[in-house]
Amino acid sequence: MSRYSRTGAPQRGGRWREHRQVIDALAFKYRTGCPWTDLPAGFGSRKGGHNRLRRWARKKRPSRAA
């Protein structure tokens, strides 16, 4: 498959990693205190995990107290 679409523009992005893998990476990072650059390769891209954390934090809305 070509990296270009039918219009000739380059394709960007790809499939997201599963949420479970990202959550495991976040738990490991905060449990061990390691920097993003030291995450084991089994957790996937450190950039992807960091970006997903930022995205989730930005979308979080305060919950209502019942």
PDB file of N, CA and C in Angstrom:
ATOM      1  N   MET A   1       0.842  -1.179   0.000  1.00  0.00           N
ATOM      2  CA  MET A   1       0.000   0.000   0.000  1.00  0.00           C
ATOM      3  C   MET A   1       0.885   1.240   0.000  1.00  0.00           C
ATOM      4  N   SER A   2       0.503   2.193  -0.742  1.00  0.00           N
ATOM      5  CA  SER A   2       1.269   3.422  -0.873  1.00  0.00           C
ATOM      6  C   SER A   2       1.036   4.347   0.317  1.00  0.00           C
ATOM      7  N   ARG A   3       2.028   5.161   0.618  1.00  0.00           N
ATOM      8  CA  ARG A   3       1.877   6.142   1.694  1.00  0.00           C
ATOM      9  C   ARG A   3       1.157   7.393   1.204  1.00  0.00           C
ATOM     10  N   TYR A   4       0.689   7.384  -0.023  1.00  0.00           N
ATOM     11  CA  TYR A   4      -0.003   8.536  -0.577  1.00  0.00           C
ATOM     12  C   TYR A   4      -1.439   8.170  -0.906  1.00  0.00           C
ATOM     13  N   SER A   5      -2.338   9.116  -0.696  1.00  0.00           N
ATOM     14  CA  SER A   5      -3.736   8.885  -1.021  1.00  0.00           C
ATOM     15  C   SER A   5      -3.953   9.088  -2.516  1.00  0.00           C
ATOM     16  N   ARG A   6      -5.159   8.894  -2.943  1.00  0.00           N
ATOM     17  CA  ARG A   6      -5.473   9.046  -4.369  1.00  0.00           C
ATOM     18  C   ARG A   6      -5.293  10.483  -4.851  1.00  0.00           C
ATOM     19  N   THR A   7      -5.361  11.428  -3.927  1.00  0.00           N
ATOM     20  CA  THR A   7      -5.199  12.835  -4.303  1.00  0.00           C
ATOM     21  C   THR A   7      -3.730  13.233  -4.380  1.00  0.00           C
ATOM     22  N   GLY A   8      -2.840  12.346  -3.958  1.00  0.00           N
ATOM     23  CA  GLY A   8      -1.418  12.646  -3.999  1.00  0.00           C
ATOM     24  C   GLY A   8      -0.867  13.201  -2.699  1.00  0.00           C
ATOM     25  N   ALA A   9      -1.737  13.450  -1.727  1.00  0.00           N
ATOM     26  CA  ALA A   9      -1.286  13.970  -0.436  1.00  0.00           C
ATOM     27  C   ALA A   9      -0.783  12.813   0.431  1.00  0.00           C
ATOM     28  N   PRO A  10       0.291  13.017   1.196  1.00  0.00           N
ATOM     29  CA  PRO A  10       0.782  11.941   2.060  1.00  0.00           C
ATOM     30  C   PRO A  10      -0.231  11.614   3.152  1.00  0.00           C
ATOM     31  N   GLN A  11      -0.313  10.338   3.504  1.00  0.00           N
ATOM     32  CA  GLN A  11      -1.203   9.915   4.579  1.00  0.00           C
ATOM     33  C   GLN A  11      -0.513  10.133   5.909  1.00  0.00           C
ATOM     34  N   ARG A  12      -1.279  10.493   6.893  1.00  0.00           N
ATOM     35  CA  ARG A  12      -0.727  10.755   8.218  1.00  0.00           C
ATOM     36  C   ARG A  12      -1.361   9.829   9.233  1.00  0.00           C
ATOM     37  N   GLY A  13      -0.635   9.662  10.318  1.00  0.00           N
ATOM     38  CA  GLY A  13      -1.175   8.917  11.447  1.00  0.00           C
ATOM     39  C   GLY A  13      -1.220   7.430  11.205  1.00  0.00           C
ATOM     40  N   GLY A  14      -1.943   6.782  12.022  1.00  0.00           N
ATOM     41  CA  GLY A  14      -2.080   5.346  11.943  1.00  0.00           C
ATOM     42  C   GLY A  14      -3.078   4.908  12.989  1.00  0.00           C
ATOM     43  N   ARG A  15      -3.059   3.642  13.284  1.00  0.00           N
ATOM     44  CA  ARG A  15      -3.979   3.125  14.285  1.00  0.00           C
ATOM     45  C   ARG A  15      -3.464   3.432  15.686  1.00  0.00           C
ATOM     46  N   TRP A  16      -4.392   3.722  16.565  1.00  0.00           N
ATOM     47  CA  TRP A  16      -4.038   3.948  17.961  1.00  0.00           C
ATOM     48  C   TRP A  16      -3.716   2.625  18.615  1.00  0.00           C
ATOM     49  N   ARG A  17      -2.833   2.667  19.586  1.00  0.00           N
ATOM     50  CA  ARG A  17      -2.597   1.495  20.419  1.00  0.00           C
ATOM     51  C   ARG A  17      -3.814   1.316  21.303  1.00  0.00           C
ATOM     52  N   GLU A  18      -3.994   0.120  21.776  1.00  0.00           N
ATOM     53  CA  GLU A  18      -5.128  -0.137  22.658  1.00  0.00           C
ATOM     54  C   GLU A  18      -4.982   0.677  23.943  1.00  0.00           C
ATOM     55  N   HIS A  19      -6.108   1.096  24.484  1.00  0.00           N
ATOM     56  CA  HIS A  19      -6.088   1.897  25.713  1.00  0.00           C
ATOM     57  C   HIS A  19      -5.401   1.147  26.848  1.00  0.00           C
ATOM     58  N   ARG A  20      -5.601  -0.179  26.909  1.00  0.00           N
ATOM     59  CA  ARG A  20      -5.014  -0.967  27.995  1.00  0.00           C
ATOM     60  C   ARG A  20      -3.491  -0.862  27.992  1.00  0.00           C
ATOM     61  N   GLN A  21      -2.883  -0.895  26.815  1.00  0.00           N
ATOM     62  CA  GLN A  21      -1.426  -0.803  26.719  1.00  0.00           C
ATOM     63  C   GLN A  21      -0.943   0.568  27.184  1.00  0.00           C
ATOM     64  N   VAL A  22      -1.670   1.609  26.835  1.00  0.00           N
ATOM     65  CA  VAL A  22      -1.290   2.959  27.255  1.00  0.00           C
ATOM     66  C   VAL A  22      -1.475   3.119  28.761  1.00  0.00           C
ATOM     67  N   ILE A  23      -2.559   2.586  29.299  1.00  0.00           N
ATOM     68  CA  ILE A  23      -2.798   2.661  30.747  1.00  0.00           C
ATOM     69  C   ILE A  23      -1.698   1.920  31.503  1.00  0.00           C
ATOM     70  N   ASP A  24      -1.295   0.753  31.003  1.00  0.00           N
ATOM     71  CA  ASP A  24      -0.197   0.013  31.631  1.00  0.00           C
ATOM     72  C   ASP A  24       1.097   0.822  31.603  1.00  0.00           C
ATOM     73  N   ALA A  25       1.358   1.498  30.501  1.00  0.00           N
ATOM     74  CA  ALA A  25       2.564   2.327  30.395  1.00  0.00           C
ATOM     75  C   ALA A  25       2.516   3.477  31.393  1.00  0.00           C
ATOM     76  N   LEU A  26       1.370   4.106  31.527  1.00  0.00           N
ATOM     77  CA  LEU A  26       1.226   5.217  32.481  1.00  0.00           C
ATOM     78  C   LEU A  26       1.409   4.723  33.915  1.00  0.00           C
ATOM     79  N   ALA A  27       0.820   3.569  34.218  1.00  0.00           N
ATOM     80  CA  ALA A  27       0.956   3.009  35.573  1.00  0.00           C
ATOM     81  C   ALA A  27       2.416   2.693  35.867  1.00  0.00           C
ATOM     82  N   PHE A  28       3.112   2.102  34.903  1.00  0.00           N
ATOM     83  CA  PHE A  28       4.533   1.781  35.091  1.00  0.00           C
ATOM     84  C   PHE A  28       5.341   3.052  35.316  1.00  0.00           C
ATOM     85  N   LYS A  29       5.073   4.067  34.511  1.00  0.00           N
ATOM     86  CA  LYS A  29       5.825   5.318  34.610  1.00  0.00           C
ATOM     87  C   LYS A  29       5.656   5.961  35.985  1.00  0.00           C
ATOM     88  N   TYR A  30       4.426   6.034  36.465  1.00  0.00           N
ATOM     89  CA  TYR A  30       4.199   6.704  37.741  1.00  0.00           C
ATOM     90  C   TYR A  30       4.555   5.830  38.930  1.00  0.00           C
ATOM     91  N   ARG A  31       4.467   4.500  38.768  1.00  0.00           N
ATOM     92  CA  ARG A  31       4.843   3.590  39.853  1.00  0.00           C
ATOM     93  C   ARG A  31       6.360   3.596  40.067  1.00  0.00           C
ATOM     94  N   THR A  32       7.125   3.623  38.978  1.00  0.00           N
ATOM     95  CA  THR A  32       8.582   3.564  39.087  1.00  0.00           C
ATOM     96  C   THR A  32       9.233   4.940  39.129  1.00  0.00           C
ATOM     97  N   GLY A  33       8.520   5.955  38.647  1.00  0.00           N
ATOM     98  CA  GLY A  33       9.087   7.307  38.624  1.00  0.00           C
ATOM     99  C   GLY A  33      10.064   7.529  37.487  1.00  0.00           C
ATOM    100  N   CYS A  34      10.075   6.632  36.513  1.00  0.00           N
ATOM    101  CA  CYS A  34      11.024   6.772  35.400  1.00  0.00           C
ATOM    102  C   CYS A  34      10.558   7.863  34.432  1.00  0.00           C
ATOM    103  N   PRO A  35      11.469   8.489  33.724  1.00  0.00           N
ATOM    104  CA  PRO A  35      11.070   9.465  32.703  1.00  0.00           C
ATOM    105  C   PRO A  35      10.483   8.752  31.478  1.00  0.00           C
ATOM    106  N   TRP A  36       9.787   9.507  30.663  1.00  0.00           N
ATOM    107  CA  TRP A  36       9.165   8.942  29.463  1.00  0.00           C
ATOM    108  C   TRP A  36      10.186   8.242  28.574  1.00  0.00           C
ATOM    109  N   THR A  37      11.394   8.764  28.530  1.00  0.00           N
ATOM    110  CA  THR A  37      12.407   8.197  27.640  1.00  0.00           C
ATOM    111  C   THR A  37      12.878   6.818  28.088  1.00  0.00           C
ATOM    112  N   ASP A  38      12.629   6.441  29.342  1.00  0.00           N
ATOM    113  CA  ASP A  38      13.094   5.152  29.860  1.00  0.00           C
ATOM    114  C   ASP A  38      12.014   4.078  29.895  1.00  0.00           C
ATOM    115  N   LEU A  39      10.857   4.330  29.304  1.00  0.00           N
ATOM    116  CA  LEU A  39       9.815   3.301  29.265  1.00  0.00           C
ATOM    117  C   LEU A  39      10.294   2.113  28.435  1.00  0.00           C
ATOM    118  N   PRO A  40      10.042   0.889  28.876  1.00  0.00           N
ATOM    119  CA  PRO A  40      10.408  -0.276  28.076  1.00  0.00           C
ATOM    120  C   PRO A  40       9.672  -0.275  26.731  1.00  0.00           C
ATOM    121  N   ALA A  41      10.305  -0.865  25.734  1.00  0.00           N
ATOM    122  CA  ALA A  41       9.745  -0.877  24.378  1.00  0.00           C
ATOM    123  C   ALA A  41       8.410  -1.612  24.307  1.00  0.00           C
ATOM    124  N   GLY A  42       8.142  -2.510  25.240  1.00  0.00           N
ATOM    125  CA  GLY A  42       6.889  -3.266  25.237  1.00  0.00           C
ATOM    126  C   GLY A  42       5.653  -2.406  25.421  1.00  0.00           C
ATOM    127  N   PHE A  43       5.843  -1.195  25.898  1.00  0.00           N
ATOM    128  CA  PHE A  43       4.717  -0.285  26.095  1.00  0.00           C
ATOM    129  C   PHE A  43       4.445   0.576  24.869  1.00  0.00           C
ATOM    130  N   GLY A  44       5.234   0.430  23.853  1.00  0.00           N
ATOM    131  CA  GLY A  44       5.023   1.200  22.635  1.00  0.00           C
ATOM    132  C   GLY A  44       5.766   2.523  22.656  1.00  0.00           C
ATOM    133  N   SER A  45       5.328   3.402  21.802  1.00  0.00           N
ATOM    134  CA  SER A  45       5.982   4.694  21.624  1.00  0.00           C
ATOM    135  C   SER A  45       5.799   5.574  22.855  1.00  0.00           C
ATOM    136  N   ARG A  46       6.909   6.121  23.374  1.00  0.00           N
ATOM    137  CA  ARG A  46       6.792   7.028  24.526  1.00  0.00           C
ATOM    138  C   ARG A  46       6.065   8.304  24.130  1.00  0.00           C
ATOM    139  N   LYS A  47       6.258   8.736  22.902  1.00  0.00           N
ATOM    140  CA  LYS A  47       5.581   9.939  22.417  1.00  0.00           C
ATOM    141  C   LYS A  47       4.075   9.710  22.354  1.00  0.00           C
ATOM    142  N   GLY A  48       3.684   8.549  21.878  1.00  0.00           N
ATOM    143  CA  GLY A  48       2.261   8.229  21.790  1.00  0.00           C
ATOM    144  C   GLY A  48       1.603   8.165  23.153  1.00  0.00           C
ATOM    145  N   GLY A  49       2.294   7.554  24.123  1.00  0.00           N
ATOM    146  CA  GLY A  49       1.750   7.481  25.476  1.00  0.00           C
ATOM    147  C   GLY A  49       1.616   8.857  26.113  1.00  0.00           C
ATOM    148  N   HIS A  50       2.625   9.679  25.934  1.00  0.00           N
ATOM    149  CA  HIS A  50       2.591  11.030  26.500  1.00  0.00           C
ATOM    150  C   HIS A  50       1.491  11.860  25.845  1.00  0.00           C
ATOM    151  N   ASN A  51       1.372  11.769  24.538  1.00  0.00           N
ATOM    152  CA  ASN A  51       0.331  12.531  23.841  1.00  0.00           C
ATOM    153  C   ASN A  51      -1.060  12.080  24.245  1.00  0.00           C
ATOM    154  N   ARG A  52      -1.230  10.765  24.410  1.00  0.00           N
ATOM    155  CA  ARG A  52      -2.549  10.269  24.820  1.00  0.00           C
ATOM    156  C   ARG A  52      -2.876  10.743  26.224  1.00  0.00           C
ATOM    157  N   LEU A  53      -1.906  10.753  27.133  1.00  0.00           N
ATOM    158  CA  LEU A  53      -2.135  11.261  28.484  1.00  0.00           C
ATOM    159  C   LEU A  53      -2.550  12.728  28.435  1.00  0.00           C
ATOM    160  N   ARG A  54      -1.853  13.524  27.643  1.00  0.00           N
ATOM    161  CA  ARG A  54      -2.210  14.945  27.516  1.00  0.00           C
ATOM    162  C   ARG A  54      -3.616  15.113  26.950  1.00  0.00           C
ATOM    163  N   ARG A  55      -3.954  14.310  25.961  1.00  0.00           N
ATOM    164  CA  ARG A  55      -5.281  14.393  25.344  1.00  0.00           C
ATOM    165  C   ARG A  55      -6.365  14.030  26.353  1.00  0.00           C
ATOM    166  N   TRP A  56      -6.145  12.952  27.128  1.00  0.00           N
ATOM    167  CA  TRP A  56      -7.124  12.547  28.128  1.00  0.00           C
ATOM    168  C   TRP A  56      -7.252  13.607  29.212  1.00  0.00           C
ATOM    169  N   ALA A  57      -6.148  14.198  29.625  1.00  0.00           N
ATOM    170  CA  ALA A  57      -6.190  15.222  30.670  1.00  0.00           C
ATOM    171  C   ALA A  57      -6.928  16.466  30.185  1.00  0.00           C
ATOM    172  N   ARG A  58      -6.755  16.807  28.934  1.00  0.00           N
ATOM    173  CA  ARG A  58      -7.409  17.989  28.382  1.00  0.00           C
ATOM    174  C   ARG A  58      -8.913  17.787  28.273  1.00  0.00           C
ATOM    175  N   LYS A  59      -9.346  16.553  27.977  1.00  0.00           N
ATOM    176  CA  LYS A  59     -10.775  16.277  27.801  1.00  0.00           C
ATOM    177  C   LYS A  59     -11.493  15.997  29.104  1.00  0.00           C
ATOM    178  N   LYS A  60     -10.747  15.773  30.168  1.00  0.00           N
ATOM    179  CA  LYS A  60     -11.386  15.425  31.439  1.00  0.00           C
ATOM    180  C   LYS A  60     -12.233  16.591  31.925  1.00  0.00           C
ATOM    181  N   ARG A  61     -13.408  16.250  32.351  1.00  0.00           N
ATOM    182  CA  ARG A  61     -14.320  17.267  32.891  1.00  0.00           C
ATOM    183  C   ARG A  61     -14.586  16.933  34.348  1.00  0.00           C
ATOM    184  N   PRO A  62     -14.770  17.930  35.177  1.00  0.00           N
ATOM    185  CA  PRO A  62     -15.053  17.644  36.582  1.00  0.00           C
ATOM    186  C   PRO A  62     -16.345  16.851  36.727  1.00  0.00           C
ATOM    187  N   SER A  63     -16.316  15.847  37.582  1.00  0.00           N
ATOM    188  CA  SER A  63     -17.532  15.044  37.787  1.00  0.00           C
ATOM    189  C   SER A  63     -18.440  15.753  38.775  1.00  0.00           C
ATOM    190  N   ARG A  64     -19.699  15.481  38.660  1.00  0.00           N
ATOM    191  CA  ARG A  64     -20.664  16.089  39.571  1.00  0.00           C
ATOM    192  C   ARG A  64     -20.746  15.289  40.852  1.00  0.00           C
ATOM    193  N   ALA A  65     -20.806  15.975  41.949  1.00  0.00           N
ATOM    194  CA  ALA A  65     -20.984  15.297  43.239  1.00  0.00           C
ATOM    195  C   ALA A  65     -22.465  14.981  43.402  1.00  0.00           C
ATOM    196  N   ALA A  66     -22.752  13.766  43.754  1.00  0.00           N
ATOM    197  CA  ALA A  66     -24.162  13.348  43.905  1.00  0.00           C
ATOM    198  C   ALA A  66     -24.660  13.627  45.290  1.00  0.00           C
TER     199      ALA A  66
END
